[in-house]
């Protein structure tokens, strides 16, 4: 597999690992999403000043308002964070800063 294919597979595996907590591998509950965020994106959460970040993110991502996140809703989070990280890296490069 290519590097990109491995990344895609990893996204799927991580999503299903956390979604399976309640027996339904197709969606993340609030509790499952919080655990995923605390484990897989702990650095991002540590940088947040609002203690309700996970709850707000869940609400923003839950497009169909079913109080769960399906894979498509989860991927929107990954895409958004990836875009923000890439923009930050570009700014650092332009300013000659080290990572």
PDB file of N, CA and C in Angstrom:
ATOM      1  N   UNK A   1       0.846  -1.191   0.000  1.00  0.00           N
ATOM      2  CA  UNK A   1       0.000   0.000   0.000  1.00  0.00           C
ATOM      3  C   UNK A   1       0.885   1.245   0.000  1.00  0.00           C
ATOM      4  N   UNK A   2       0.378   2.286  -0.628  1.00  0.00           N
ATOM      5  CA  UNK A   2       1.087   3.562  -0.629  1.00  0.00           C
ATOM      6  C   UNK A   2       0.924   4.233   0.736  1.00  0.00           C
ATOM      7  N   UNK A   3       1.686   5.263   0.950  1.00  0.00           N
ATOM      8  CA  UNK A   3       1.599   6.008   2.212  1.00  0.00           C
ATOM      9  C   UNK A   3       0.204   6.595   2.406  1.00  0.00           C
ATOM     10  N   UNK A   4      -0.365   7.143   1.349  1.00  0.00           N
ATOM     11  CA  UNK A   4      -1.704   7.714   1.433  1.00  0.00           C
ATOM     12  C   UNK A   4      -2.758   6.640   1.699  1.00  0.00           C
ATOM     13  N   UNK A   5      -2.623   5.497   1.041  1.00  0.00           N
ATOM     14  CA  UNK A   5      -3.562   4.392   1.285  1.00  0.00           C
ATOM     15  C   UNK A   5      -3.479   3.922   2.730  1.00  0.00           C
ATOM     16  N   UNK A   6      -2.285   3.875   3.295  1.00  0.00           N
ATOM     17  CA  UNK A   6      -2.122   3.496   4.710  1.00  0.00           C
ATOM     18  C   UNK A   6      -2.803   4.509   5.621  1.00  0.00           C
ATOM     19  N   UNK A   7      -2.667   5.795   5.287  1.00  0.00           N
ATOM     20  CA  UNK A   7      -3.324   6.837   6.081  1.00  0.00           C
ATOM     21  C   UNK A   7      -4.841   6.684   6.050  1.00  0.00           C
ATOM     22  N   UNK A   8      -5.368   6.402   4.869  1.00  0.00           N
ATOM     23  CA  UNK A   8      -6.813   6.212   4.727  1.00  0.00           C
ATOM     24  C   UNK A   8      -7.267   5.001   5.537  1.00  0.00           C
ATOM     25  N   UNK A   9      -6.513   3.922   5.449  1.00  0.00           N
ATOM     26  CA  UNK A   9      -6.856   2.726   6.218  1.00  0.00           C
ATOM     27  C   UNK A   9      -6.810   3.019   7.714  1.00  0.00           C
ATOM     28  N   UNK A  10      -5.816   3.773   8.143  1.00  0.00           N
ATOM     29  CA  UNK A  10      -5.691   4.122   9.558  1.00  0.00           C
ATOM     30  C   UNK A  10      -6.894   4.920  10.039  1.00  0.00           C
ATOM     31  N   UNK A  11      -7.367   5.873   9.242  1.00  0.00           N
ATOM     32  CA  UNK A  11      -8.565   6.637   9.605  1.00  0.00           C
ATOM     33  C   UNK A  11      -9.756   5.711   9.829  1.00  0.00           C
ATOM     34  N   UNK A  12      -9.918   4.773   8.939  1.00  0.00           N
ATOM     35  CA  UNK A  12     -11.044   3.826   9.042  1.00  0.00           C
ATOM     36  C   UNK A  12     -10.905   2.957  10.287  1.00  0.00           C
ATOM     37  N   UNK A  13      -9.709   2.425  10.500  1.00  0.00           N
ATOM     38  CA  UNK A  13      -9.466   1.545  11.651  1.00  0.00           C
ATOM     39  C   UNK A  13      -9.689   2.296  12.969  1.00  0.00           C
ATOM     40  N   UNK A  14      -9.153   3.510  13.070  1.00  0.00           N
ATOM     41  CA  UNK A  14      -9.303   4.294  14.298  1.00  0.00           C
ATOM     42  C   UNK A  14     -10.779   4.605  14.542  1.00  0.00           C
ATOM     43  N   UNK A  15     -11.481   5.043  13.518  1.00  0.00           N
ATOM     44  CA  UNK A  15     -12.905   5.341  13.681  1.00  0.00           C
ATOM     45  C   UNK A  15     -13.651   4.126  14.217  1.00  0.00           C
ATOM     46  N   UNK A  16     -13.473   2.975  13.579  1.00  0.00           N
ATOM     47  CA  UNK A  16     -14.214   1.777  13.988  1.00  0.00           C
ATOM     48  C   UNK A  16     -13.791   1.269  15.361  1.00  0.00           C
ATOM     49  N   UNK A  17     -12.540   1.451  15.710  1.00  0.00           N
ATOM     50  CA  UNK A  17     -12.067   1.031  17.041  1.00  0.00           C
ATOM     51  C   UNK A  17     -12.846   1.757  18.136  1.00  0.00           C
ATOM     52  N   UNK A  18     -13.001   3.053  17.999  1.00  0.00           N
ATOM     53  CA  UNK A  18     -13.711   3.826  19.019  1.00  0.00           C
ATOM     54  C   UNK A  18     -15.221   3.691  18.882  1.00  0.00           C
ATOM     55  N   UNK A  19     -15.723   3.594  17.665  1.00  0.00           N
ATOM     56  CA  UNK A  19     -17.168   3.470  17.454  1.00  0.00           C
ATOM     57  C   UNK A  19     -17.701   2.149  18.001  1.00  0.00           C
ATOM     58  N   UNK A  20     -16.877   1.137  18.051  1.00  0.00           N
ATOM     59  CA  UNK A  20     -17.321  -0.192  18.488  1.00  0.00           C
ATOM     60  C   UNK A  20     -17.595  -0.278  19.986  1.00  0.00           C
ATOM     61  N   UNK A  21     -17.290   0.768  20.716  1.00  0.00           N
ATOM     62  CA  UNK A  21     -17.458   0.744  22.173  1.00  0.00           C
ATOM     63  C   UNK A  21     -18.850   0.363  22.626  1.00  0.00           C
ATOM     64  N   UNK A  22     -19.869   0.793  21.903  1.00  0.00           N
ATOM     65  CA  UNK A  22     -21.248   0.475  22.277  1.00  0.00           C
ATOM     66  C   UNK A  22     -21.834  -0.647  21.420  1.00  0.00           C
ATOM     67  N   UNK A  23     -20.975  -1.259  20.595  1.00  0.00           N
ATOM     68  CA  UNK A  23     -21.429  -2.357  19.754  1.00  0.00           C
ATOM     69  C   UNK A  23     -21.830  -1.936  18.353  1.00  0.00           C
ATOM     70  N   UNK A  24     -21.962  -0.633  18.127  1.00  0.00           N
ATOM     71  CA  UNK A  24     -22.323  -0.113  16.798  1.00  0.00           C
ATOM     72  C   UNK A  24     -21.084   0.530  16.185  1.00  0.00           C
ATOM     73  N   UNK A  25     -20.411  -0.190  15.296  1.00  0.00           N
ATOM     74  CA  UNK A  25     -19.175   0.306  14.695  1.00  0.00           C
ATOM     75  C   UNK A  25     -19.410   1.389  13.650  1.00  0.00           C
ATOM     76  N   UNK A  26     -20.666   1.719  13.362  1.00  0.00           N
ATOM     77  CA  UNK A  26     -20.979   2.677  12.308  1.00  0.00           C
ATOM     78  C   UNK A  26     -21.031   4.122  12.792  1.00  0.00           C
ATOM     79  N   UNK A  27     -21.139   4.323  14.115  1.00  0.00           N
ATOM     80  CA  UNK A  27     -21.247   5.684  14.638  1.00  0.00           C
ATOM     81  C   UNK A  27     -20.489   5.831  15.956  1.00  0.00           C
ATOM     82  N   UNK A  28     -20.083   7.069  16.217  1.00  0.00           N
ATOM     83  CA  UNK A  28     -19.458   7.426  17.492  1.00  0.00           C
ATOM     84  C   UNK A  28     -20.497   8.120  18.366  1.00  0.00           C
ATOM     85  N   UNK A  29     -20.679   7.628  19.566  1.00  0.00           N
ATOM     86  CA  UNK A  29     -21.518   8.330  20.531  1.00  0.00           C
ATOM     87  C   UNK A  29     -20.699   9.476  21.121  1.00  0.00           C
ATOM     88  N   UNK A  30     -21.335  10.319  21.904  1.00  0.00           N
ATOM     89  CA  UNK A  30     -20.629  11.420  22.581  1.00  0.00           C
ATOM     90  C   UNK A  30     -19.464  10.867  23.420  1.00  0.00           C
ATOM     91  N   UNK A  31     -19.742   9.808  24.162  1.00  0.00           N
ATOM     92  CA  UNK A  31     -18.721   9.200  25.019  1.00  0.00           C
ATOM     93  C   UNK A  31     -17.565   8.632  24.188  1.00  0.00           C
ATOM     94  N   UNK A  32     -17.875   7.950  23.113  1.00  0.00           N
ATOM     95  CA  UNK A  32     -16.845   7.375  22.243  1.00  0.00           C
ATOM     96  C   UNK A  32     -16.014   8.474  21.575  1.00  0.00           C
ATOM     97  N   UNK A  33     -16.701   9.537  21.132  1.00  0.00           N
ATOM     98  CA  UNK A  33     -16.011  10.650  20.500  1.00  0.00           C
ATOM     99  C   UNK A  33     -15.059  11.316  21.497  1.00  0.00           C
ATOM    100  N   UNK A  34     -15.508  11.499  22.706  1.00  0.00           N
ATOM    101  CA  UNK A  34     -14.651  12.111  23.734  1.00  0.00           C
ATOM    102  C   UNK A  34     -13.416  11.253  23.987  1.00  0.00           C
ATOM    103  N   UNK A  35     -13.598   9.952  24.071  1.00  0.00           N
ATOM    104  CA  UNK A  35     -12.459   9.049  24.286  1.00  0.00           C
ATOM    105  C   UNK A  35     -11.493   9.110  23.112  1.00  0.00           C
ATOM    106  N   UNK A  36     -12.019   9.117  21.889  1.00  0.00           N
ATOM    107  CA  UNK A  36     -11.180   9.223  20.700  1.00  0.00           C
ATOM    108  C   UNK A  36     -10.372  10.522  20.749  1.00  0.00           C
ATOM    109  N   UNK A  37     -11.029  11.622  21.037  1.00  0.00           N
ATOM    110  CA  UNK A  37     -10.352  12.919  21.078  1.00  0.00           C
ATOM    111  C   UNK A  37      -9.271  12.944  22.156  1.00  0.00           C
ATOM    112  N   UNK A  38      -9.596  12.432  23.331  1.00  0.00           N
ATOM    113  CA  UNK A  38      -8.633  12.443  24.436  1.00  0.00           C
ATOM    114  C   UNK A  38      -7.427  11.554  24.161  1.00  0.00           C
ATOM    115  N   UNK A  39      -7.623  10.488  23.410  1.00  0.00           N
ATOM    116  CA  UNK A  39      -6.549   9.543  23.131  1.00  0.00           C
ATOM    117  C   UNK A  39      -5.788   9.895  21.865  1.00  0.00           C
ATOM    118  N   UNK A  40      -6.509  10.151  20.797  1.00  0.00           N
ATOM    119  CA  UNK A  40      -5.883  10.337  19.487  1.00  0.00           C
ATOM    120  C   UNK A  40      -5.518  11.788  19.177  1.00  0.00           C
ATOM    121  N   UNK A  41      -6.184  12.729  19.817  1.00  0.00           N
ATOM    122  CA  UNK A  41      -5.918  14.148  19.556  1.00  0.00           C
ATOM    123  C   UNK A  41      -5.685  14.907  20.862  1.00  0.00           C
ATOM    124  N   UNK A  42      -4.948  14.290  21.769  1.00  0.00           N
ATOM    125  CA  UNK A  42      -4.710  14.882  23.082  1.00  0.00           C
ATOM    126  C   UNK A  42      -3.937  16.204  22.987  1.00  0.00           C
ATOM    127  N   UNK A  43      -3.004  16.303  22.054  1.00  0.00           N
ATOM    128  CA  UNK A  43      -2.259  17.546  21.872  1.00  0.00           C
ATOM    129  C   UNK A  43      -3.164  18.686  21.452  1.00  0.00           C
ATOM    130  N   UNK A  44      -4.079  18.402  20.543  1.00  0.00           N
ATOM    131  CA  UNK A  44      -5.046  19.404  20.101  1.00  0.00           C
ATOM    132  C   UNK A  44      -5.910  19.846  21.282  1.00  0.00           C
ATOM    133  N   UNK A  45      -6.425  18.887  22.058  1.00  0.00           N
ATOM    134  CA  UNK A  45      -7.287  19.236  23.190  1.00  0.00           C
ATOM    135  C   UNK A  45      -6.530  20.031  24.241  1.00  0.00           C
ATOM    136  N   UNK A  46      -5.274  19.684  24.479  1.00  0.00           N
ATOM    137  CA  UNK A  46      -4.480  20.392  25.484  1.00  0.00           C
ATOM    138  C   UNK A  46      -4.311  21.866  25.118  1.00  0.00           C
ATOM    139  N   UNK A  47      -4.310  22.168  23.840  1.00  0.00           N
ATOM    140  CA  UNK A  47      -4.135  23.547  23.380  1.00  0.00           C
ATOM    141  C   UNK A  47      -5.430  24.363  23.450  1.00  0.00           C
ATOM    142  N   UNK A  48      -6.543  23.711  23.699  1.00  0.00           N
ATOM    143  CA  UNK A  48      -7.833  24.407  23.745  1.00  0.00           C
ATOM    144  C   UNK A  48      -8.057  25.020  25.118  1.00  0.00           C
ATOM    145  N   UNK A  49      -8.610  26.203  25.140  1.00  0.00           N
ATOM    146  CA  UNK A  49      -8.860  26.892  26.400  1.00  0.00           C
ATOM    147  C   UNK A  49     -10.264  26.618  26.940  1.00  0.00           C
ATOM    148  N   UNK A  50     -11.148  26.183  26.078  1.00  0.00           N
ATOM    149  CA  UNK A  50     -12.533  25.934  26.463  1.00  0.00           C
ATOM    150  C   UNK A  50     -12.708  24.480  26.904  1.00  0.00           C
ATOM    151  N   UNK A  51     -13.119  24.233  28.147  1.00  0.00           N
ATOM    152  CA  UNK A  51     -13.308  22.854  28.615  1.00  0.00           C
ATOM    153  C   UNK A  51     -14.439  22.116  27.904  1.00  0.00           C
ATOM    154  N   UNK A  52     -15.292  22.850  27.206  1.00  0.00           N
ATOM    155  CA  UNK A  52     -16.416  22.232  26.482  1.00  0.00           C
ATOM    156  C   UNK A  52     -16.106  22.011  25.007  1.00  0.00           C
ATOM    157  N   UNK A  53     -14.830  22.016  24.651  1.00  0.00           N
ATOM    158  CA  UNK A  53     -14.432  21.877  23.250  1.00  0.00           C
ATOM    159  C   UNK A  53     -15.006  20.620  22.614  1.00  0.00           C
ATOM    160  N   UNK A  54     -14.900  19.486  23.280  1.00  0.00           N
ATOM    161  CA  UNK A  54     -15.372  18.227  22.696  1.00  0.00           C
ATOM    162  C   UNK A  54     -16.877  18.277  22.461  1.00  0.00           C
ATOM    163  N   UNK A  55     -17.623  18.794  23.408  1.00  0.00           N
ATOM    164  CA  UNK A  55     -19.079  18.879  23.249  1.00  0.00           C
ATOM    165  C   UNK A  55     -19.453  19.801  22.091  1.00  0.00           C
ATOM    166  N   UNK A  56     -18.775  20.939  21.984  1.00  0.00           N
ATOM    167  CA  UNK A  56     -19.054  21.876  20.898  1.00  0.00           C
ATOM    168  C   UNK A  56     -18.706  21.257  19.545  1.00  0.00           C
ATOM    169  N   UNK A  57     -17.566  20.579  19.479  1.00  0.00           N
ATOM    170  CA  UNK A  57     -17.163  19.935  18.233  1.00  0.00           C
ATOM    171  C   UNK A  57     -18.178  18.880  17.818  1.00  0.00           C
ATOM    172  N   UNK A  58     -18.614  18.089  18.774  1.00  0.00           N
ATOM    173  CA  UNK A  58     -19.601  17.037  18.487  1.00  0.00           C
ATOM    174  C   UNK A  58     -20.861  17.661  17.896  1.00  0.00           C
ATOM    175  N   UNK A  59     -21.333  18.725  18.521  1.00  0.00           N
ATOM    176  CA  UNK A  59     -22.548  19.390  18.045  1.00  0.00           C
ATOM    177  C   UNK A  59     -22.335  19.952  16.641  1.00  0.00           C
ATOM    178  N   UNK A  60     -21.194  20.584  16.405  1.00  0.00           N
ATOM    179  CA  UNK A  60     -20.906  21.168  15.094  1.00  0.00           C
ATOM    180  C   UNK A  60     -20.774  20.104  14.000  1.00  0.00           C
ATOM    181  N   UNK A  61     -20.193  18.968  14.332  1.00  0.00           N
ATOM    182  CA  UNK A  61     -19.958  17.913  13.346  1.00  0.00           C
ATOM    183  C   UNK A  61     -21.206  17.090  13.044  1.00  0.00           C
ATOM    184  N   UNK A  62     -22.116  17.002  13.997  1.00  0.00           N
ATOM    185  CA  UNK A  62     -23.316  16.162  13.876  1.00  0.00           C
ATOM    186  C   UNK A  62     -24.334  16.819  12.944  1.00  0.00           C
ATOM    187  N   UNK A  63     -24.124  16.662  11.651  1.00  0.00           N
ATOM    188  CA  UNK A  63     -24.935  17.330  10.636  1.00  0.00           C
ATOM    189  C   UNK A  63     -26.400  16.898  10.624  1.00  0.00           C
ATOM    190  N   UNK A  64     -26.671  15.658  10.962  1.00  0.00           N
ATOM    191  CA  UNK A  64     -28.065  15.185  10.938  1.00  0.00           C
ATOM    192  C   UNK A  64     -28.716  15.213  12.326  1.00  0.00           C
ATOM    193  N   UNK A  65     -28.019  15.758  13.307  1.00  0.00           N
ATOM    194  CA  UNK A  65     -28.548  15.951  14.666  1.00  0.00           C
ATOM    195  C   UNK A  65     -29.063  14.680  15.322  1.00  0.00           C
ATOM    196  N   UNK A  66     -28.362  13.558  15.078  1.00  0.00           N
ATOM    197  CA  UNK A  66     -28.778  12.304  15.721  1.00  0.00           C
ATOM    198  C   UNK A  66     -27.978  12.008  16.987  1.00  0.00           C
ATOM    199  N   UNK A  67     -27.151  12.970  17.402  1.00  0.00           N
ATOM    200  CA  UNK A  67     -26.323  12.861  18.609  1.00  0.00           C
ATOM    201  C   UNK A  67     -25.257  11.773  18.491  1.00  0.00           C
ATOM    202  N   UNK A  68     -24.915  11.448  17.242  1.00  0.00           N
ATOM    203  CA  UNK A  68     -23.853  10.491  16.937  1.00  0.00           C
ATOM    204  C   UNK A  68     -23.090  11.020  15.735  1.00  0.00           C
ATOM    205  N   UNK A  69     -21.863  10.534  15.570  1.00  0.00           N
ATOM    206  CA  UNK A  69     -21.094  10.887  14.387  1.00  0.00           C
ATOM    207  C   UNK A  69     -20.882   9.650  13.540  1.00  0.00           C
ATOM    208  N   UNK A  70     -21.284   9.728  12.275  1.00  0.00           N
ATOM    209  CA  UNK A  70     -20.962   8.644  11.356  1.00  0.00           C
ATOM    210  C   UNK A  70     -19.585   8.938  10.760  1.00  0.00           C
ATOM    211  N   UNK A  71     -19.104   8.059   9.916  1.00  0.00           N
ATOM    212  CA  UNK A  71     -17.749   8.209   9.383  1.00  0.00           C
ATOM    213  C   UNK A  71     -17.601   9.499   8.581  1.00  0.00           C
ATOM    214  N   UNK A  72     -18.588   9.838   7.796  1.00  0.00           N
ATOM    215  CA  UNK A  72     -18.518  11.062   6.985  1.00  0.00           C
ATOM    216  C   UNK A  72     -18.408  12.302   7.872  1.00  0.00           C
ATOM    217  N   UNK A  73     -19.176  12.339   8.950  1.00  0.00           N
ATOM    218  CA  UNK A  73     -19.110  13.468   9.881  1.00  0.00           C
ATOM    219  C   UNK A  73     -17.747  13.513  10.580  1.00  0.00           C
ATOM    220  N   UNK A  74     -17.209  12.356  10.928  1.00  0.00           N
ATOM    221  CA  UNK A  74     -15.889  12.265  11.552  1.00  0.00           C
ATOM    222  C   UNK A  74     -14.792  12.747  10.604  1.00  0.00           C
ATOM    223  N   UNK A  75     -14.882  12.355   9.346  1.00  0.00           N
ATOM    224  CA  UNK A  75     -13.863  12.748   8.366  1.00  0.00           C
ATOM    225  C   UNK A  75     -13.844  14.269   8.195  1.00  0.00           C
ATOM    226  N   UNK A  76     -14.982  14.923   8.352  1.00  0.00           N
ATOM    227  CA  UNK A  76     -15.009  16.390   8.273  1.00  0.00           C
ATOM    228  C   UNK A  76     -14.093  16.995   9.333  1.00  0.00           C
ATOM    229  N   UNK A  77     -14.050  16.398  10.515  1.00  0.00           N
ATOM    230  CA  UNK A  77     -13.147  16.849  11.571  1.00  0.00           C
ATOM    231  C   UNK A  77     -11.694  16.667  11.140  1.00  0.00           C
ATOM    232  N   UNK A  78     -11.382  15.497  10.628  1.00  0.00           N
ATOM    233  CA  UNK A  78     -10.007  15.196  10.210  1.00  0.00           C
ATOM    234  C   UNK A  78      -9.570  16.150   9.103  1.00  0.00           C
ATOM    235  N   UNK A  79     -10.443  16.382   8.152  1.00  0.00           N
ATOM    236  CA  UNK A  79     -10.122  17.293   7.044  1.00  0.00           C
ATOM    237  C   UNK A  79      -9.880  18.707   7.579  1.00  0.00           C
ATOM    238  N   UNK A  80     -10.767  19.184   8.418  1.00  0.00           N
ATOM    239  CA  UNK A  80     -10.626  20.533   8.973  1.00  0.00           C
ATOM    240  C   UNK A  80      -9.337  20.712   9.758  1.00  0.00           C
ATOM    241  N   UNK A  81      -9.034  19.756  10.617  1.00  0.00           N
ATOM    242  CA  UNK A  81      -7.800  19.837  11.403  1.00  0.00           C
ATOM    243  C   UNK A  81      -6.564  19.713  10.520  1.00  0.00           C
ATOM    244  N   UNK A  82      -6.636  18.880   9.509  1.00  0.00           N
ATOM    245  CA  UNK A  82      -5.504  18.698   8.598  1.00  0.00           C
ATOM    246  C   UNK A  82      -5.236  19.986   7.818  1.00  0.00           C
ATOM    247  N   UNK A  83      -6.282  20.631   7.371  1.00  0.00           N
ATOM    248  CA  UNK A  83      -6.129  21.892   6.653  1.00  0.00           C
ATOM    249  C   UNK A  83      -5.509  22.949   7.571  1.00  0.00           C
ATOM    250  N   UNK A  84      -5.980  23.008   8.810  1.00  0.00           N
ATOM    251  CA  UNK A  84      -5.433  23.981   9.759  1.00  0.00           C
ATOM    252  C   UNK A  84      -3.962  23.697  10.054  1.00  0.00           C
ATOM    253  N   UNK A  85      -3.607  22.437  10.198  1.00  0.00           N
ATOM    254  CA  UNK A  85      -2.204  22.072  10.457  1.00  0.00           C
ATOM    255  C   UNK A  85      -1.316  22.422   9.270  1.00  0.00           C
ATOM    256  N   UNK A  86      -1.807  22.177   8.065  1.00  0.00           N
ATOM    257  CA  UNK A  86      -1.023  22.497   6.875  1.00  0.00           C
ATOM    258  C   UNK A  86      -0.826  24.006   6.753  1.00  0.00           C
ATOM    259  N   UNK A  87      -1.853  24.779   7.057  1.00  0.00           N
ATOM    260  CA  UNK A  87      -1.753  26.242   6.995  1.00  0.00           C
ATOM    261  C   UNK A  87      -0.746  26.749   8.030  1.00  0.00           C
ATOM    262  N   UNK A  88      -0.760  26.154   9.208  1.00  0.00           N
ATOM    263  CA  UNK A  88       0.204  26.523  10.249  1.00  0.00           C
ATOM    264  C   UNK A  88       1.621  26.208   9.810  1.00  0.00           C
ATOM    265  N   UNK A  89       1.802  25.058   9.199  1.00  0.00           N
ATOM    266  CA  UNK A  89       3.128  24.677   8.713  1.00  0.00           C
ATOM    267  C   UNK A  89       3.608  25.636   7.623  1.00  0.00           C
ATOM    268  N   UNK A  90       2.710  26.035   6.734  1.00  0.00           N
ATOM    269  CA  UNK A  90       3.072  26.996   5.686  1.00  0.00           C
ATOM    270  C   UNK A  90       3.495  28.322   6.283  1.00  0.00           C
ATOM    271  N   UNK A  91       2.772  28.782   7.303  1.00  0.00           N
ATOM    272  CA  UNK A  91       3.136  30.032   7.983  1.00  0.00           C
ATOM    273  C   UNK A  91       4.528  29.919   8.608  1.00  0.00           C
ATOM    274  N   UNK A  92       4.791  28.811   9.251  1.00  0.00           N
ATOM    275  CA  UNK A  92       6.123  28.590   9.846  1.00  0.00           C
ATOM    276  C   UNK A  92       7.210  28.607   8.788  1.00  0.00           C
ATOM    277  N   UNK A  93       6.944  27.922   7.685  1.00  0.00           N
ATOM    278  CA  UNK A  93       7.920  27.891   6.598  1.00  0.00           C
ATOM    279  C   UNK A  93       8.182  29.285   6.052  1.00  0.00           C
ATOM    280  N   UNK A  94       7.117  30.056   5.882  1.00  0.00           N
ATOM    281  CA  UNK A  94       7.262  31.418   5.351  1.00  0.00           C
ATOM    282  C   UNK A  94       8.021  32.325   6.287  1.00  0.00           C
ATOM    283  N   UNK A  95       7.907  32.059   7.587  1.00  0.00           N
ATOM    284  CA  UNK A  95       8.598  32.892   8.580  1.00  0.00           C
ATOM    285  C   UNK A  95       9.954  32.305   8.959  1.00  0.00           C
ATOM    286  N   UNK A  96      10.282  31.132   8.405  1.00  0.00           N
ATOM    287  CA  UNK A  96      11.549  30.503   8.729  1.00  0.00           C
ATOM    288  C   UNK A  96      11.635  29.945  10.126  1.00  0.00           C
ATOM    289  N   UNK A  97      10.468  29.625  10.722  1.00  0.00           N
ATOM    290  CA  UNK A  97      10.444  29.077  12.078  1.00  0.00           C
ATOM    291  C   UNK A  97      10.627  27.584  12.072  1.00  0.00           C
ATOM    292  N   UNK A  98      11.161  27.083  13.169  1.00  0.00           N
ATOM    293  CA  UNK A  98      11.318  25.638  13.314  1.00  0.00           C
ATOM    294  C   UNK A  98      10.034  25.068  13.869  1.00  0.00           C
ATOM    295  N   UNK A  99       9.800  23.792  13.546  1.00  0.00           N
ATOM    296  CA  UNK A  99       8.604  23.096  14.032  1.00  0.00           C
ATOM    297  C   UNK A  99       8.762  22.724  15.485  1.00  0.00           C
TER     298      UNK A  99
END
